[in-house]
Protein backbone atom coordinates (compact mmCIF):
# COMPACT_ATOMS: atom_id res chain seq x y z
CA UNK A 1 103.59 76.76 133.57
CA UNK A 2 104.51 77.38 137.18
CA UNK A 3 102.31 80.49 137.20
CA UNK A 4 104.05 82.18 134.25
CA UNK A 5 101.97 84.82 132.45
CA UNK A 6 100.72 83.60 129.06
CA UNK A 7 99.91 85.58 125.92
CA UNK A 8 97.86 84.01 123.12
CA UNK A 9 98.78 85.49 119.73
CA UNK A 10 96.25 83.98 117.33
CA UNK A 11 95.28 84.65 113.73
CA UNK A 12 94.60 82.92 110.45
CA UNK A 13 97.51 81.88 108.22
CA UNK A 14 98.90 84.71 106.09
CA UNK A 15 97.62 87.33 108.55
CA UNK A 16 100.93 88.69 109.84
CA UNK A 17 101.16 86.44 112.90
CA UNK A 18 104.77 85.40 112.21
CA UNK A 19 105.91 89.02 112.14
CA UNK A 20 103.80 89.86 115.21
CA UNK A 21 105.23 86.78 116.93
CA UNK A 22 108.77 87.99 116.32
CA UNK A 23 107.79 91.42 117.63
CA UNK A 24 106.77 89.76 120.89
CA UNK A 25 109.88 87.56 120.78
CA UNK A 26 112.06 90.65 120.46
CA UNK A 27 111.05 91.68 123.98
CA UNK A 28 113.76 90.49 126.38
CA UNK A 29 111.23 89.25 128.95
CA UNK A 30 109.29 86.86 126.71
CA UNK A 31 109.64 83.16 125.93
CA UNK A 32 108.26 82.66 122.42
CA UNK A 33 106.74 79.41 121.15
CA UNK A 34 106.00 79.32 117.41
CA UNK A 35 102.89 77.34 116.37
CA UNK A 36 103.28 74.54 118.95
CA UNK A 37 99.72 73.37 118.22
CA UNK A 38 100.32 72.68 114.53
CA UNK A 39 100.74 68.96 115.22
CA UNK A 40 98.46 66.48 116.95
CA UNK A 41 98.75 67.52 120.60
CA UNK A 42 95.37 69.29 120.56
CA UNK A 43 93.75 67.02 117.96
CA UNK A 44 91.00 65.83 120.37
CA UNK A 45 89.97 69.48 120.89
CA UNK A 46 87.54 70.53 118.12
CA UNK A 47 89.08 72.78 115.48
CA UNK A 48 85.94 74.91 115.64
CA UNK A 49 84.82 74.95 119.27
CA UNK A 50 81.74 76.80 120.49
CA UNK A 51 80.16 76.86 123.92
CA UNK A 52 81.56 75.45 127.14
CA UNK A 53 84.23 72.78 126.91
CA UNK A 54 84.26 69.41 128.59
CA UNK A 55 86.57 68.91 131.56
CA UNK A 56 88.65 66.57 129.41
CA UNK A 57 89.10 69.27 126.73
CA UNK A 58 89.90 72.00 129.26
CA UNK A 59 92.38 69.75 131.08
CA UNK A 60 94.13 68.87 127.82
CA UNK A 61 94.50 72.56 126.94
CA UNK A 62 95.87 73.39 130.40
CA UNK A 63 98.38 70.54 130.20
CA UNK A 64 99.42 71.64 126.71
CA UNK A 65 99.93 75.24 127.78
CA UNK A 66 101.82 74.17 130.88
CA UNK A 67 104.32 72.29 128.74
CA UNK A 68 105.15 75.20 126.42
CA UNK A 69 108.36 76.36 128.18
CA UNK A 70 109.87 72.88 127.82
CA UNK A 71 109.13 72.54 124.08
CA UNK A 72 112.31 72.19 122.01
CA UNK A 73 111.20 71.26 118.49
CA UNK A 74 113.04 73.19 115.78
CA UNK A 75 109.95 74.95 114.47
CA UNK A 76 108.55 75.72 117.92
CA UNK A 77 111.69 76.86 119.75
CA UNK A 78 114.07 77.64 116.90
CA UNK A 79 112.44 80.38 114.85
CA UNK A 80 114.71 83.20 113.78
CA UNK A 81 115.94 85.81 114.40
CA UNK A 82 117.08 84.87 117.92
CA UNK A 83 116.90 87.74 120.39
CA UNK A 84 118.78 88.51 123.60
CA UNK A 85 116.86 87.68 126.77
CA UNK A 86 117.29 89.04 130.27
CA UNK A 87 116.77 85.58 131.77
CA UNK A 88 119.75 84.11 129.84
CA UNK A 89 123.38 84.72 130.68
CA UNK A 90 125.66 85.84 127.86
CA UNK A 91 127.14 82.35 127.65
CA UNK A 92 123.74 80.67 127.47
CA UNK A 93 122.60 83.21 124.88
CA UNK A 94 125.56 82.31 122.66
CA UNK A 95 124.86 78.62 123.22
CA UNK A 96 121.21 79.10 122.21
CA UNK A 97 122.08 81.03 119.03
CA UNK A 98 124.58 78.39 117.98
CA UNK A 99 122.19 75.59 118.90
CA UNK A 100 119.29 77.10 116.95
CA UNK A 101 121.47 77.49 113.84
CA UNK A 102 122.67 73.90 114.15
CA UNK A 103 119.21 72.47 114.82
CA UNK A 104 117.76 74.29 111.80
CA UNK A 105 120.52 72.98 109.55
CA UNK A 106 120.07 69.38 110.74
CA UNK A 107 116.28 69.70 110.44
CA UNK A 108 116.61 70.76 106.79
CA UNK A 109 118.95 67.87 105.99
CA UNK A 110 117.64 65.02 108.14
CA UNK A 111 114.40 66.02 109.86
CA UNK A 112 113.45 67.24 113.30
CA UNK A 113 116.31 68.17 115.64
CA UNK A 114 115.66 69.54 119.16
CA UNK A 115 116.97 72.97 120.05
CA UNK A 116 119.44 72.85 122.99
CA UNK A 117 117.88 73.26 126.43
CA UNK A 118 119.50 76.61 127.17
CA UNK A 119 116.70 77.80 129.47
CA UNK A 120 116.72 76.81 133.12
CA UNK A 121 113.11 76.37 134.35
CA UNK A 122 113.98 77.86 137.73
CA UNK A 123 115.21 81.07 136.09
CA UNK A 124 111.94 82.07 134.43
CA UNK A 125 110.56 84.38 137.11
CA UNK A 126 109.17 87.51 135.47
CA UNK A 127 109.01 85.86 132.04
CA UNK A 128 105.91 85.97 129.83
CA UNK A 129 105.25 82.96 127.58
CA UNK A 130 103.90 83.75 124.09
CA UNK A 131 101.92 81.07 122.23
CA UNK A 132 101.63 81.99 118.56
CA UNK A 133 99.02 80.02 116.60
CA UNK A 134 97.48 79.87 113.14
CA UNK A 135 95.82 76.55 113.95
CA UNK A 136 93.56 77.38 116.89
CA UNK A 137 91.65 80.52 115.88
CA UNK A 138 88.41 78.52 115.96
CA UNK A 139 89.32 77.17 119.43
CA UNK A 140 90.04 80.56 120.96
CA UNK A 141 86.92 80.61 123.11
CA UNK A 142 87.64 77.16 124.54
CA UNK A 143 91.30 77.99 125.14
CA UNK A 144 90.31 81.23 126.86
CA UNK A 145 87.94 79.27 129.10
CA UNK A 146 90.66 76.77 130.00
CA UNK A 147 93.24 79.51 130.67
CA UNK A 148 91.32 82.30 132.45
CA UNK A 149 94.48 84.24 133.35
CA UNK A 150 95.84 84.32 129.80
CA UNK A 151 95.78 87.53 127.80
CA UNK A 152 95.57 87.60 124.05
CA UNK A 153 95.85 89.35 120.72
CA UNK A 154 93.66 88.31 117.79
CA UNK A 155 95.28 89.49 114.56
CA UNK A 156 92.96 89.99 111.59
CA UNK A 157 94.00 90.81 108.04
CA UNK A 158 91.84 92.40 105.33
CA UNK A 159 89.94 89.55 103.60
CA UNK A 160 91.40 90.48 100.21
CA UNK A 161 94.91 90.51 101.68
CA UNK A 162 94.34 87.09 103.22
CA UNK A 163 92.92 85.60 100.02
CA UNK A 164 95.61 87.07 97.79
CA UNK A 165 98.42 85.85 100.03
CA UNK A 166 97.01 82.31 100.30
CA UNK A 167 96.55 82.07 96.54
CA UNK A 168 100.08 83.36 95.93
CA UNK A 169 101.54 80.85 98.38
CA UNK A 170 99.66 77.98 96.76
CA UNK A 171 100.67 79.09 93.29
CA UNK A 172 104.33 79.21 94.35
CA UNK A 173 104.03 75.91 96.28
CA UNK A 174 104.98 77.47 99.60
CA UNK A 175 102.76 75.22 101.72
CA UNK A 176 103.23 71.60 102.73
CA UNK A 177 99.63 70.59 102.04
CA UNK A 178 98.86 69.43 98.51
CA UNK A 179 95.20 70.39 98.96
CA UNK A 180 94.39 74.06 98.29
CA UNK A 181 92.75 75.74 101.29
CA UNK A 182 89.75 76.60 99.12
CA UNK A 183 89.23 72.88 98.44
CA UNK A 184 89.73 71.58 101.97
CA UNK A 185 86.13 70.48 102.33
CA UNK A 186 86.82 68.76 105.64
CA UNK A 187 87.54 72.10 107.26
CA UNK A 188 84.80 73.83 105.26
CA UNK A 189 82.29 71.28 106.52
CA UNK A 190 83.24 72.06 110.13
CA UNK A 191 82.77 75.74 109.41
CA UNK A 192 79.39 75.51 107.69
CA UNK A 193 78.13 73.26 110.50
CA UNK A 194 79.30 75.73 113.16
CA UNK A 195 76.99 78.23 114.80
CA UNK A 196 78.40 80.97 112.57
CA UNK A 197 77.89 78.86 109.45
CA UNK A 198 74.30 78.12 110.39
CA UNK A 199 73.68 81.79 111.10
CA UNK A 200 74.72 82.64 107.54
CA UNK A 201 72.64 79.78 106.17
CA UNK A 202 75.60 78.23 104.41
CA UNK A 203 75.75 74.76 102.96
CA UNK A 204 78.63 72.75 101.56
CA UNK A 205 76.79 72.25 98.26
CA UNK A 206 76.62 76.00 97.79
CA UNK A 207 80.33 76.44 98.53
CA UNK A 208 81.18 73.90 95.85
CA UNK A 209 79.53 76.16 93.26
CA UNK A 210 81.39 79.40 94.03
CA UNK A 211 84.88 80.56 93.10
CA UNK A 212 88.02 79.68 95.11
CA UNK A 213 88.26 83.33 96.17
CA UNK A 214 84.74 83.18 97.63
CA UNK A 215 85.43 79.92 99.46
CA UNK A 216 88.55 81.43 101.00
CA UNK A 217 86.55 84.52 101.92
CA UNK A 218 84.01 82.33 103.72
CA UNK A 219 86.86 80.57 105.49
CA UNK A 220 88.09 84.01 106.63
CA UNK A 221 84.61 85.06 107.74
CA UNK A 222 83.68 81.93 109.69
CA UNK A 223 86.96 81.42 111.54
CA UNK A 224 87.22 85.08 112.48
CA UNK A 225 83.51 85.32 113.30
CA UNK A 226 83.91 82.43 115.74
CA UNK A 227 86.98 83.98 117.36
CA UNK A 228 85.54 87.49 117.59
CA UNK A 229 82.34 86.15 119.15
CA UNK A 230 84.41 84.26 121.71
CA UNK A 231 86.37 87.33 122.87
CA UNK A 232 83.62 89.95 122.52
CA UNK A 233 83.43 92.11 125.64
CA UNK A 234 86.54 90.60 127.21
CA UNK A 235 89.15 92.97 128.60
CA UNK A 236 91.78 90.24 128.28
CA UNK A 237 91.92 90.35 124.48
CA UNK A 238 92.94 92.92 121.92
CA UNK A 239 91.71 92.70 118.33
CA UNK A 240 94.37 94.13 116.03
CA UNK A 241 94.15 94.72 112.31
CA UNK A 242 97.29 93.67 110.44
CA UNK A 243 97.03 96.83 108.36
CA UNK A 244 97.25 99.00 111.49
CA UNK A 245 100.40 97.13 112.53
CA UNK A 246 101.83 97.75 109.05
CA UNK A 247 100.96 101.45 108.89
CA UNK A 248 101.66 102.38 112.52
CA UNK A 249 103.99 99.65 113.80
CA UNK A 250 105.24 101.46 116.90
CA UNK A 251 101.84 102.62 118.20
CA UNK A 252 100.18 99.28 117.42
CA UNK A 253 103.00 97.31 119.03
CA UNK A 254 102.73 99.43 122.17
CA UNK A 255 99.01 98.62 122.22
CA UNK A 256 99.66 94.86 121.86
CA UNK A 257 102.37 94.85 124.50
CA UNK A 258 100.21 96.83 126.89
CA UNK A 259 97.44 94.25 126.56
CA UNK A 260 100.03 91.56 127.33
CA UNK A 261 101.17 93.39 130.45
CA UNK A 262 104.50 94.36 128.89
CA UNK A 263 106.13 97.69 128.17
CA UNK A 264 108.04 98.78 125.10
CA UNK A 265 111.72 97.85 125.08
CA UNK A 266 114.58 99.32 122.98
CA UNK A 267 115.30 95.90 121.46
CA UNK A 268 111.70 95.72 120.21
CA UNK A 269 111.89 99.24 118.80
CA UNK A 270 115.09 98.28 116.99
CA UNK A 271 113.47 95.18 115.49
CA UNK A 272 110.43 97.17 114.39
CA UNK A 273 112.69 99.56 112.50
CA UNK A 274 114.69 96.76 110.87
CA UNK A 275 111.70 94.63 109.96
CA UNK A 276 109.78 97.39 108.18
CA UNK A 277 112.57 98.68 105.94
CA UNK A 278 112.44 96.87 102.61
CA UNK A 279 111.78 93.29 101.58
CA UNK A 280 114.31 90.53 102.13
CA UNK A 281 114.02 86.84 102.78
CA UNK A 282 111.02 85.84 100.66
CA UNK A 283 107.43 84.80 101.23
CA UNK A 284 107.71 83.87 104.92
CA UNK A 285 110.13 86.64 105.85
CA UNK A 286 109.44 88.98 108.77
CA UNK A 287 111.48 91.69 107.00
CA UNK A 288 109.13 93.51 104.64
CA UNK A 289 108.12 96.97 103.50
CA UNK A 290 105.13 96.89 105.84
CA UNK A 291 103.10 99.65 104.19
CA UNK A 292 103.50 97.93 100.80
CA UNK A 293 102.65 94.52 102.29
CA UNK A 294 99.34 95.85 103.62
CA UNK A 295 98.21 96.97 100.16
CA UNK A 296 99.80 94.34 97.94
CA UNK A 297 96.49 92.59 97.26
CA UNK A 298 95.28 95.61 95.29
CA UNK A 299 97.81 94.74 92.57
CA UNK A 300 97.25 90.98 92.68
CA UNK A 301 93.48 90.47 92.60
CA UNK A 302 91.24 91.21 89.65
CA UNK A 303 88.52 93.82 90.40
CA UNK A 304 85.76 91.22 90.03
CA UNK A 305 87.51 88.93 92.53
CA UNK A 306 87.77 91.81 95.00
CA UNK A 307 84.06 92.51 94.68
CA UNK A 308 83.16 88.85 95.27
CA UNK A 309 85.35 88.69 98.39
CA UNK A 310 83.94 91.91 99.80
CA UNK A 311 80.39 90.75 99.12
CA UNK A 312 81.03 87.68 101.29
CA UNK A 313 82.79 89.60 104.07
CA UNK A 314 80.57 92.67 104.20
CA UNK A 315 77.74 91.31 106.35
CA UNK A 316 79.96 89.65 108.94
CA UNK A 317 81.37 90.69 112.32
CA UNK A 318 84.99 90.62 111.01
CA UNK A 319 83.80 92.50 107.94
CA UNK A 320 82.83 95.44 110.16
CA UNK A 321 86.54 95.87 110.94
CA UNK A 322 86.91 96.92 107.30
CA UNK A 323 83.69 98.84 106.72
CA UNK A 324 85.52 101.49 104.73
CA UNK A 325 86.29 98.88 102.05
CA UNK A 326 83.48 96.35 102.37
CA UNK A 327 80.92 99.14 101.93
CA UNK A 328 82.80 101.55 99.78
CA UNK A 329 85.43 99.76 97.76
């Protein structure tokens, strides 16, 4: 990446990473890349990676990260809203906005369409690249090893909020996968065979006997347990609760930006105000009543489901982030 600073913004699906990604994107000195690892580029790197990586794995991650500024896929480089950047002239900014709108329209009608190459590689001095991922939470330790100068934010959502949002998305057919996350036994097998899974004494046969809410809760525990273990004690990473971002967006954003080596900018403050005032745009929207979004699960999940989820999460490292609920709900 020609020595460009890199921020890793990682979290499980339905944990607020898209909103947090747009918060970072709203800063005029960032170059945002939205879920670039959601395809096969990192497939040879284990989805749940523990311990030191091989040189082949570390090299693949470095090459992948180095190519982020040049990525032009609609999903990766064309997420909206599009923000003004200091490294783009007014003319190139208009070209990018028009190109993103056109690429998104073509992508909906015909399939993938590259976003115009509005960014000149030689003009990126002082720019921070942001890699937002919901795919690589279990690889965070390996990615951190491969990219020792990268800083990061690990975003964690309350387990009940995560479970409720996933179930709602599946019920409303918001996801591309036909297999419910609670029945993805390929991923669940990787998790139960991980160090964290062995530590909890889990087995796949046991997971087949519990409710979908409990399987999703174990998915939340084991992915986040792996990531939190990987970054424990590191001064390069900030662990942020989604609920704190919802309830105190300005203070929490300042904390995230500070960890990334960035300061608050008026454009980011403006986006924070706009994105937390009322719901518009649907399930994947970054414009929500943030305080309501943080607590929505309380009106969606049955009390017995909440108790089962909290029983799973309570004895885990990520569960300690929510001790007030896992021990007193």
